[in-house]
Structure formats: C-alpha cells, structure tokens
Amino acid sequence: MVFPFLILILALYFFIIMPQQREEKRRREMIQKLQRGDKVVTESGIVGTFLERRDDEVIIEVSAGVPVRFKAWAIREAINGKKN
C-alpha cells in the first residue's frame, strides 16, 4: 500500500518539482548576468532595455527616456541574440 504512494511522490518530484527548480535557478542566473543595454522581455510581454538592478527590482527603459521599475522576477528572458 505504501509502495504506490512512494512511486507517486517520486514521479511528482522528478517531473514537476525538479524542472521548476532548474528553471528558477536559470532565471536567477540570467537576471544576475544582465548588463546595461541588454534587451529583455517581461512576464507581461513588455520588451525593453535593461538599465540597472536594485535589490529585487530592475529598471527597464521601455521607450526612449521612459524608465520603468519591475520586480526582478518579472524578467522572463534576455533577447540579445544569444540565450543567457
């Protein structure tokens, strides 16, 4: 009776929890590597130019002279022609 339950727990860990942890680690590293001038996309689809990072916030220029503050977790990806 316990064996099927253990199999289910292991399957959940390997197919759901581990991939989420890997993705979160990849995103944290990508955000740490951002440099001024990098193009980024936010979770809401806003494309802009990375200006600076402040603690858990980033400042992105969405149009010429229009900086906007976002939480760092809102950065989905960097689009510099290479994947970070």
PDB file of N, CA and C in Angstrom:
ATOM      1  N   MET A   1       0.813  -1.195   0.000  1.00  0.00           N
ATOM      2  CA  MET A   1       0.000   0.000   0.000  1.00  0.00           C
ATOM      3  C   MET A   1       0.860   1.264   0.000  1.00  0.00           C
ATOM      4  N   VAL A   2       1.986   1.234   0.658  1.00  0.00           N
ATOM      5  CA  VAL A   2       2.870   2.403   0.733  1.00  0.00           C
ATOM      6  C   VAL A   2       3.680   2.563  -0.551  1.00  0.00           C
ATOM      7  N   PHE A   3       4.012   1.459  -1.200  1.00  0.00           N
ATOM      8  CA  PHE A   3       4.856   1.493  -2.395  1.00  0.00           C
ATOM      9  C   PHE A   3       4.274   2.364  -3.516  1.00  0.00           C
ATOM     10  N   PRO A   4       2.996   2.220  -3.893  1.00  0.00           N
ATOM     11  CA  PRO A   4       2.445   3.098  -4.945  1.00  0.00           C
ATOM     12  C   PRO A   4       2.481   4.581  -4.558  1.00  0.00           C
ATOM     13  N   PHE A   5       2.270   4.870  -3.286  1.00  0.00           N
ATOM     14  CA  PHE A   5       2.322   6.248  -2.812  1.00  0.00           C
ATOM     15  C   PHE A   5       3.731   6.820  -2.968  1.00  0.00           C
ATOM     16  N   LEU A   6       4.746   6.043  -2.649  1.00  0.00           N
ATOM     17  CA  LEU A   6       6.131   6.477  -2.807  1.00  0.00           C
ATOM     18  C   LEU A   6       6.473   6.714  -4.275  1.00  0.00           C
ATOM     19  N   ILE A   7       6.006   5.834  -5.141  1.00  0.00           N
ATOM     20  CA  ILE A   7       6.234   5.979  -6.584  1.00  0.00           C
ATOM     21  C   ILE A   7       5.605   7.295  -7.070  1.00  0.00           C
ATOM     22  N   LEU A   8       4.406   7.588  -6.600  1.00  0.00           N
ATOM     23  CA  LEU A   8       3.734   8.829  -6.985  1.00  0.00           C
ATOM     24  C   LEU A   8       4.522  10.051  -6.508  1.00  0.00           C
ATOM     25  N   ILE A   9       4.992  10.022  -5.285  1.00  0.00           N
ATOM     26  CA  ILE A   9       5.777  11.137  -4.743  1.00  0.00           C
ATOM     27  C   ILE A   9       7.062  11.331  -5.550  1.00  0.00           C
ATOM     28  N   LEU A  10       7.754  10.252  -5.869  1.00  0.00           N
ATOM     29  CA  LEU A  10       8.981  10.341  -6.666  1.00  0.00           C
ATOM     30  C   LEU A  10       8.696  10.888  -8.065  1.00  0.00           C
ATOM     31  N   ALA A  11       7.612  10.430  -8.673  1.00  0.00           N
ATOM     32  CA  ALA A  11       7.256  10.915 -10.008  1.00  0.00           C
ATOM     33  C   ALA A  11       6.968  12.413  -9.974  1.00  0.00           C
ATOM     34  N   LEU A  12       6.222  12.863  -8.972  1.00  0.00           N
ATOM     35  CA  LEU A  12       5.948  14.292  -8.844  1.00  0.00           C
ATOM     36  C   LEU A  12       7.234  15.086  -8.681  1.00  0.00           C
ATOM     37  N   TYR A  13       8.143  14.587  -7.877  1.00  0.00           N
ATOM     38  CA  TYR A  13       9.402  15.282  -7.648  1.00  0.00           C
ATOM     39  C   TYR A  13      10.209  15.395  -8.941  1.00  0.00           C
ATOM     40  N   PHE A  14      10.361  14.273  -9.666  1.00  0.00           N
ATOM     41  CA  PHE A  14      11.208  14.273 -10.859  1.00  0.00           C
ATOM     42  C   PHE A  14      10.573  14.969 -12.061  1.00  0.00           C
ATOM     43  N   PHE A  15       9.248  14.965 -12.159  1.00  0.00           N
ATOM     44  CA  PHE A  15       8.612  15.539 -13.340  1.00  0.00           C
ATOM     45  C   PHE A  15       8.034  16.930 -13.129  1.00  0.00           C
ATOM     46  N   ILE A  16       7.881  17.362 -11.888  1.00  0.00           N
ATOM     47  CA  ILE A  16       7.310  18.681 -11.639  1.00  0.00           C
ATOM     48  C   ILE A  16       8.248  19.564 -10.824  1.00  0.00           C
ATOM     49  N   ILE A  17       8.662  19.120  -9.670  1.00  0.00           N
ATOM     50  CA  ILE A  17       9.433  19.955  -8.759  1.00  0.00           C
ATOM     51  C   ILE A  17      10.841  20.230  -9.276  1.00  0.00           C
ATOM     52  N   MET A  18      11.569  19.203  -9.695  1.00  0.00           N
ATOM     53  CA  MET A  18      12.945  19.399 -10.183  1.00  0.00           C
ATOM     54  C   MET A  18      13.019  20.340 -11.387  1.00  0.00           C
ATOM     55  N   PRO A  19      12.175  20.158 -12.408  1.00  0.00           N
ATOM     56  CA  PRO A  19      12.246  21.086 -13.549  1.00  0.00           C
ATOM     57  C   PRO A  19      11.928  22.532 -13.157  1.00  0.00           C
ATOM     58  N   GLN A  20      10.998  22.740 -12.234  1.00  0.00           N
ATOM     59  CA  GLN A  20      10.694  24.094 -11.787  1.00  0.00           C
ATOM     60  C   GLN A  20      11.880  24.709 -11.066  1.00  0.00           C
ATOM     61  N   GLN A  21      12.557  23.930 -10.240  1.00  0.00           N
ATOM     62  CA  GLN A  21      13.726  24.427  -9.530  1.00  0.00           C
ATOM     63  C   GLN A  21      14.848  24.788 -10.500  1.00  0.00           C
ATOM     64  N   ARG A  22      15.055  23.950 -11.511  1.00  0.00           N
ATOM     65  CA  ARG A  22      16.083  24.235 -12.525  1.00  0.00           C
ATOM     66  C   ARG A  22      15.767  25.516 -13.282  1.00  0.00           C
ATOM     67  N   GLU A  23      14.502  25.686 -13.676  1.00  0.00           N
ATOM     68  CA  GLU A  23      14.104  26.887 -14.408  1.00  0.00           C
ATOM     69  C   GLU A  23      14.282  28.133 -13.547  1.00  0.00           C
ATOM     70  N   GLU A  24      13.911  28.065 -12.288  1.00  0.00           N
ATOM     71  CA  GLU A  24      14.070  29.214 -11.395  1.00  0.00           C
ATOM     72  C   GLU A  24      15.546  29.559 -11.207  1.00  0.00           C
ATOM     73  N   LYS A  25      16.396  28.561 -11.098  1.00  0.00           N
ATOM     74  CA  LYS A  25      17.831  28.802 -10.966  1.00  0.00           C
ATOM     75  C   LYS A  25      18.381  29.457 -12.233  1.00  0.00           C
ATOM     76  N   ARG A  26      17.945  28.972 -13.401  1.00  0.00           N
ATOM     77  CA  ARG A  26      18.376  29.540 -14.679  1.00  0.00           C
ATOM     78  C   ARG A  26      17.968  31.007 -14.781  1.00  0.00           C
ATOM     79  N   ARG A  27      16.732  31.332 -14.365  1.00  0.00           N
ATOM     80  CA  ARG A  27      16.255  32.710 -14.432  1.00  0.00           C
ATOM     81  C   ARG A  27      17.018  33.622 -13.474  1.00  0.00           C
ATOM     82  N   ARG A  28      17.291  33.139 -12.251  1.00  0.00           N
ATOM     83  CA  ARG A  28      18.054  33.950 -11.294  1.00  0.00           C
ATOM     84  C   ARG A  28      19.439  34.255 -11.845  1.00  0.00           C
ATOM     85  N   GLU A  29      20.093  33.246 -12.440  1.00  0.00           N
ATOM     86  CA  GLU A  29      21.422  33.454 -13.015  1.00  0.00           C
ATOM     87  C   GLU A  29      21.365  34.422 -14.192  1.00  0.00           C
ATOM     88  N   MET A  30      20.342  34.290 -15.026  1.00  0.00           N
ATOM     89  CA  MET A  30      20.187  35.179 -16.172  1.00  0.00           C
ATOM     90  C   MET A  30      20.014  36.622 -15.705  1.00  0.00           C
ATOM     91  N   ILE A  31      19.205  36.838 -14.673  1.00  0.00           N
ATOM     92  CA  ILE A  31      18.986  38.187 -14.155  1.00  0.00           C
ATOM     93  C   ILE A  31      20.276  38.753 -13.560  1.00  0.00           C
ATOM     94  N   GLN A  32      21.059  37.915 -12.891  1.00  0.00           N
ATOM     95  CA  GLN A  32      22.324  38.372 -12.315  1.00  0.00           C
ATOM     96  C   GLN A  32      23.336  38.761 -13.400  1.00  0.00           C
ATOM     97  N   LYS A  33      23.266  38.121 -14.560  1.00  0.00           N
ATOM     98  CA  LYS A  33      24.226  38.375 -15.634  1.00  0.00           C
ATOM     99  C   LYS A  33      23.836  39.548 -16.536  1.00  0.00           C
ATOM    100  N   LEU A  34      22.637  40.095 -16.358  1.00  0.00           N
ATOM    101  CA  LEU A  34      22.215  41.197 -17.221  1.00  0.00           C
ATOM    102  C   LEU A  34      23.140  42.391 -17.077  1.00  0.00           C
ATOM    103  N   GLN A  35      23.407  43.025 -18.194  1.00  0.00           N
ATOM    104  CA  GLN A  35      24.248  44.217 -18.214  1.00  0.00           C
ATOM    105  C   GLN A  35      23.480  45.352 -18.872  1.00  0.00           C
ATOM    106  N   ARG A  36      23.856  46.554 -18.542  1.00  0.00           N
ATOM    107  CA  ARG A  36      23.201  47.743 -19.096  1.00  0.00           C
ATOM    108  C   ARG A  36      23.178  47.640 -20.629  1.00  0.00           C
ATOM    109  N   GLY A  37      22.013  47.851 -21.203  1.00  0.00           N
ATOM    110  CA  GLY A  37      21.871  47.809 -22.655  1.00  0.00           C
ATOM    111  C   GLY A  37      21.319  46.499 -23.185  1.00  0.00           C
ATOM    112  N   ASP A  38      21.232  45.458 -22.343  1.00  0.00           N
ATOM    113  CA  ASP A  38      20.664  44.188 -22.784  1.00  0.00           C
ATOM    114  C   ASP A  38      19.164  44.338 -23.018  1.00  0.00           C
ATOM    115  N   LYS A  39      18.677  43.710 -24.070  1.00  0.00           N
ATOM    116  CA  LYS A  39      17.241  43.701 -24.355  1.00  0.00           C
ATOM    117  C   LYS A  39      16.610  42.582 -23.527  1.00  0.00           C
ATOM    118  N   VAL A  40      15.465  42.868 -22.902  1.00  0.00           N
ATOM    119  CA  VAL A  40      14.774  41.880 -22.077  1.00  0.00           C
ATOM    120  C   VAL A  40      13.280  41.885 -22.384  1.00  0.00           C
ATOM    121  N   VAL A  41      12.630  40.774 -22.027  1.00  0.00           N
ATOM    122  CA  VAL A  41      11.179  40.641 -22.133  1.00  0.00           C
ATOM    123  C   VAL A  41      10.656  40.326 -20.742  1.00  0.00           C
ATOM    124  N   THR A  42       9.589  41.016 -20.339  1.00  0.00           N
ATOM    125  CA  THR A  42       8.992  40.754 -19.032  1.00  0.00           C
ATOM    126  C   THR A  42       7.927  39.663 -19.148  1.00  0.00           C
ATOM    127  N   GLU A  43       7.431  39.212 -18.009  1.00  0.00           N
ATOM    128  CA  GLU A  43       6.365  38.205 -17.985  1.00  0.00           C
ATOM    129  C   GLU A  43       5.126  38.701 -18.715  1.00  0.00           C
ATOM    130  N   SER A  44       4.878  40.001 -18.702  1.00  0.00           N
ATOM    131  CA  SER A  44       3.692  40.552 -19.357  1.00  0.00           C
ATOM    132  C   SER A  44       3.928  40.846 -20.842  1.00  0.00           C
ATOM    133  N   GLY A  45       5.137  40.561 -21.338  1.00  0.00           N
ATOM    134  CA  GLY A  45       5.425  40.732 -22.752  1.00  0.00           C
ATOM    135  C   GLY A  45       6.019  42.076 -23.124  1.00  0.00           C
ATOM    136  N   ILE A  46       6.336  42.892 -22.151  1.00  0.00           N
ATOM    137  CA  ILE A  46       6.932  44.194 -22.433  1.00  0.00           C
ATOM    138  C   ILE A  46       8.404  44.000 -22.793  1.00  0.00           C
ATOM    139  N   VAL A  47       8.805  44.573 -23.917  1.00  0.00           N
ATOM    140  CA  VAL A  47      10.187  44.480 -24.366  1.00  0.00           C
ATOM    141  C   VAL A  47      10.859  45.813 -24.069  1.00  0.00           C
ATOM    142  N   GLY A  48      12.047  45.752 -23.490  1.00  0.00           N
ATOM    143  CA  GLY A  48      12.750  46.976 -23.169  1.00  0.00           C
ATOM    144  C   GLY A  48      14.238  46.742 -23.030  1.00  0.00           C
ATOM    145  N   THR A  49      14.943  47.798 -22.645  1.00  0.00           N
ATOM    146  CA  THR A  49      16.387  47.755 -22.474  1.00  0.00           C
ATOM    147  C   THR A  49      16.711  47.829 -20.995  1.00  0.00           C
ATOM    148  N   PHE A  50      17.493  46.866 -20.524  1.00  0.00           N
ATOM    149  CA  PHE A  50      17.874  46.809 -19.116  1.00  0.00           C
ATOM    150  C   PHE A  50      18.800  47.978 -18.797  1.00  0.00           C
ATOM    151  N   LEU A  51      18.482  48.704 -17.704  1.00  0.00           N
ATOM    152  CA  LEU A  51      19.320  49.821 -17.279  1.00  0.00           C
ATOM    153  C   LEU A  51      20.096  49.496 -16.012  1.00  0.00           C
ATOM    154  N   GLU A  52      19.380  49.060 -14.958  1.00  0.00           N
ATOM    155  CA  GLU A  52      20.086  48.744 -13.712  1.00  0.00           C
ATOM    156  C   GLU A  52      19.249  47.845 -12.816  1.00  0.00           C
ATOM    157  N   ARG A  53      19.921  47.257 -11.830  1.00  0.00           N
ATOM    158  CA  ARG A  53      19.291  46.359 -10.863  1.00  0.00           C
ATOM    159  C   ARG A  53      19.440  46.993  -9.487  1.00  0.00           C
ATOM    160  N   ARG A  54      18.367  46.988  -8.719  1.00  0.00           N
ATOM    161  CA  ARG A  54      18.379  47.491  -7.342  1.00  0.00           C
ATOM    162  C   ARG A  54      17.711  46.442  -6.460  1.00  0.00           C
ATOM    163  N   ASP A  55      18.500  45.754  -5.658  1.00  0.00           N
ATOM    164  CA  ASP A  55      17.985  44.704  -4.776  1.00  0.00           C
ATOM    165  C   ASP A  55      17.101  43.737  -5.554  1.00  0.00           C
ATOM    166  N   ASP A  56      15.790  43.755  -5.302  1.00  0.00           N
ATOM    167  CA  ASP A  56      14.900  42.827  -6.000  1.00  0.00           C
ATOM    168  C   ASP A  56      14.105  43.515  -7.106  1.00  0.00           C
ATOM    169  N   GLU A  57      14.575  44.668  -7.564  1.00  0.00           N
ATOM    170  CA  GLU A  57      13.928  45.384  -8.650  1.00  0.00           C
ATOM    171  C   GLU A  57      14.920  45.654  -9.779  1.00  0.00           C
ATOM    172  N   VAL A  58      14.375  45.812 -10.974  1.00  0.00           N
ATOM    173  CA  VAL A  58      15.182  46.188 -12.124  1.00  0.00           C
ATOM    174  C   VAL A  58      14.534  47.400 -12.778  1.00  0.00           C
ATOM    175  N   ILE A  59      15.338  48.196 -13.441  1.00  0.00           N
ATOM    176  CA  ILE A  59      14.817  49.343 -14.180  1.00  0.00           C
ATOM    177  C   ILE A  59      15.043  49.071 -15.656  1.00  0.00           C
ATOM    178  N   ILE A  60      13.954  49.150 -16.406  1.00  0.00           N
ATOM    179  CA  ILE A  60      13.972  48.859 -17.834  1.00  0.00           C
ATOM    180  C   ILE A  60      13.469  50.090 -18.579  1.00  0.00           C
ATOM    181  N   GLU A  61      14.173  50.442 -19.635  1.00  0.00           N
ATOM    182  CA  GLU A  61      13.731  51.545 -20.485  1.00  0.00           C
ATOM    183  C   GLU A  61      12.841  50.954 -21.573  1.00  0.00           C
ATOM    184  N   VAL A  62      11.542  51.272 -21.530  1.00  0.00           N
ATOM    185  CA  VAL A  62      10.592  50.697 -22.483  1.00  0.00           C
ATOM    186  C   VAL A  62      10.443  51.530 -23.742  1.00  0.00           C
ATOM    187  N   SER A  63      10.848  52.783 -23.679  1.00  0.00           N
ATOM    188  CA  SER A  63      10.861  53.683 -24.820  1.00  0.00           C
ATOM    189  C   SER A  63      11.934  54.728 -24.520  1.00  0.00           C
ATOM    190  N   ALA A  64      12.332  55.478 -25.499  1.00  0.00           N
ATOM    191  CA  ALA A  64      13.396  56.460 -25.293  1.00  0.00           C
ATOM    192  C   ALA A  64      13.038  57.414 -24.152  1.00  0.00           C
ATOM    193  N   GLY A  65      13.831  57.367 -23.090  1.00  0.00           N
ATOM    194  CA  GLY A  65      13.621  58.244 -21.952  1.00  0.00           C
ATOM    195  C   GLY A  65      12.496  57.847 -21.024  1.00  0.00           C
ATOM    196  N   VAL A  66      11.990  56.607 -21.141  1.00  0.00           N
ATOM    197  CA  VAL A  66      10.890  56.146 -20.294  1.00  0.00           C
ATOM    198  C   VAL A  66      11.334  54.922 -19.484  1.00  0.00           C
ATOM    199  N   PRO A  67      11.980  55.145 -18.329  1.00  0.00           N
ATOM    200  CA  PRO A  67      12.371  54.013 -17.492  1.00  0.00           C
ATOM    201  C   PRO A  67      11.193  53.546 -16.634  1.00  0.00           C
ATOM    202  N   VAL A  68      11.087  52.229 -16.465  1.00  0.00           N
ATOM    203  CA  VAL A  68      10.014  51.639 -15.670  1.00  0.00           C
ATOM    204  C   VAL A  68      10.636  50.630 -14.706  1.00  0.00           C
ATOM    205  N   ARG A  69      10.174  50.658 -13.451  1.00  0.00           N
ATOM    206  CA  ARG A  69      10.672  49.709 -12.448  1.00  0.00           C
ATOM    207  C   ARG A  69       9.819  48.446 -12.475  1.00  0.00           C
ATOM    208  N   PHE A  70      10.484  47.286 -12.413  1.00  0.00           N
ATOM    209  CA  PHE A  70       9.821  45.996 -12.341  1.00  0.00           C
ATOM    210  C   PHE A  70      10.473  45.187 -11.230  1.00  0.00           C
ATOM    211  N   LYS A  71       9.752  44.256 -10.666  1.00  0.00           N
ATOM    212  CA  LYS A  71      10.356  43.285  -9.779  1.00  0.00           C
ATOM    213  C   LYS A  71      11.254  42.403 -10.639  1.00  0.00           C
ATOM    214  N   ALA A  72      12.365  41.971 -10.087  1.00  0.00           N
ATOM    215  CA  ALA A  72      13.327  41.180 -10.858  1.00  0.00           C
ATOM    216  C   ALA A  72      12.704  39.877 -11.370  1.00  0.00           C
ATOM    217  N   TRP A  73      11.803  39.289 -10.589  1.00  0.00           N
ATOM    218  CA  TRP A  73      11.194  38.027 -11.025  1.00  0.00           C
ATOM    219  C   TRP A  73      10.340  38.202 -12.283  1.00  0.00           C
ATOM    220  N   ALA A  74       9.990  39.441 -12.636  1.00  0.00           N
ATOM    221  CA  ALA A  74       9.149  39.687 -13.803  1.00  0.00           C
ATOM    222  C   ALA A  74       9.914  39.585 -15.123  1.00  0.00           C
ATOM    223  N   ILE A  75      11.236  39.456 -15.070  1.00  0.00           N
ATOM    224  CA  ILE A  75      12.022  39.304 -16.298  1.00  0.00           C
ATOM    225  C   ILE A  75      11.922  37.856 -16.758  1.00  0.00           C
ATOM    226  N   ARG A  76      11.394  37.668 -17.958  1.00  0.00           N
ATOM    227  CA  ARG A  76      11.239  36.314 -18.491  1.00  0.00           C
ATOM    228  C   ARG A  76      12.498  35.851 -19.212  1.00  0.00           C
ATOM    229  N   GLU A  77      13.043  36.734 -20.069  1.00  0.00           N
ATOM    230  CA  GLU A  77      14.225  36.329 -20.827  1.00  0.00           C
ATOM    231  C   GLU A  77      14.991  37.536 -21.345  1.00  0.00           C
ATOM    232  N   ALA A  78      16.230  37.285 -21.682  1.00  0.00           N
ATOM    233  CA  ALA A  78      17.074  38.274 -22.344  1.00  0.00           C
ATOM    234  C   ALA A  78      17.072  37.921 -23.829  1.00  0.00           C
ATOM    235  N   ILE A  79      16.965  38.932 -24.680  1.00  0.00           N
ATOM    236  CA  ILE A  79      16.905  38.668 -26.122  1.00  0.00           C
ATOM    237  C   ILE A  79      18.019  39.404 -26.838  1.00  0.00           C
ATOM    238  N   ASN A  80      19.233  39.044 -26.538  1.00  0.00           N
ATOM    239  CA  ASN A  80      20.417  39.679 -27.124  1.00  0.00           C
ATOM    240  C   ASN A  80      20.935  38.930 -28.339  1.00  0.00           C
ATOM    241  N   GLY A  81      20.115  38.059 -28.902  1.00  0.00           N
ATOM    242  CA  GLY A  81      20.601  37.238 -29.987  1.00  0.00           C
ATOM    243  C   GLY A  81      21.271  35.974 -29.471  1.00  0.00           C
ATOM    244  N   LYS A  82      21.470  35.915 -28.173  1.00  0.00           N
ATOM    245  CA  LYS A  82      22.007  34.717 -27.554  1.00  0.00           C
ATOM    246  C   LYS A  82      21.180  34.430 -26.311  1.00  0.00           C
ATOM    247  N   LYS A  83      21.080  33.179 -25.948  1.00  0.00           N
ATOM    248  CA  LYS A  83      20.314  32.802 -24.768  1.00  0.00           C
ATOM    249  C   LYS A  83      21.215  32.826 -23.567  1.00  0.00           C
ATOM    250  N   ASN A  84      20.799  33.511 -22.490  1.00  0.00           N
ATOM    251  CA  ASN A  84      21.583  33.558 -21.237  1.00  0.00           C
ATOM    252  C   ASN A  84      21.211  32.411 -20.354  1.00  0.00           C
TER     253      ASN A  84
END
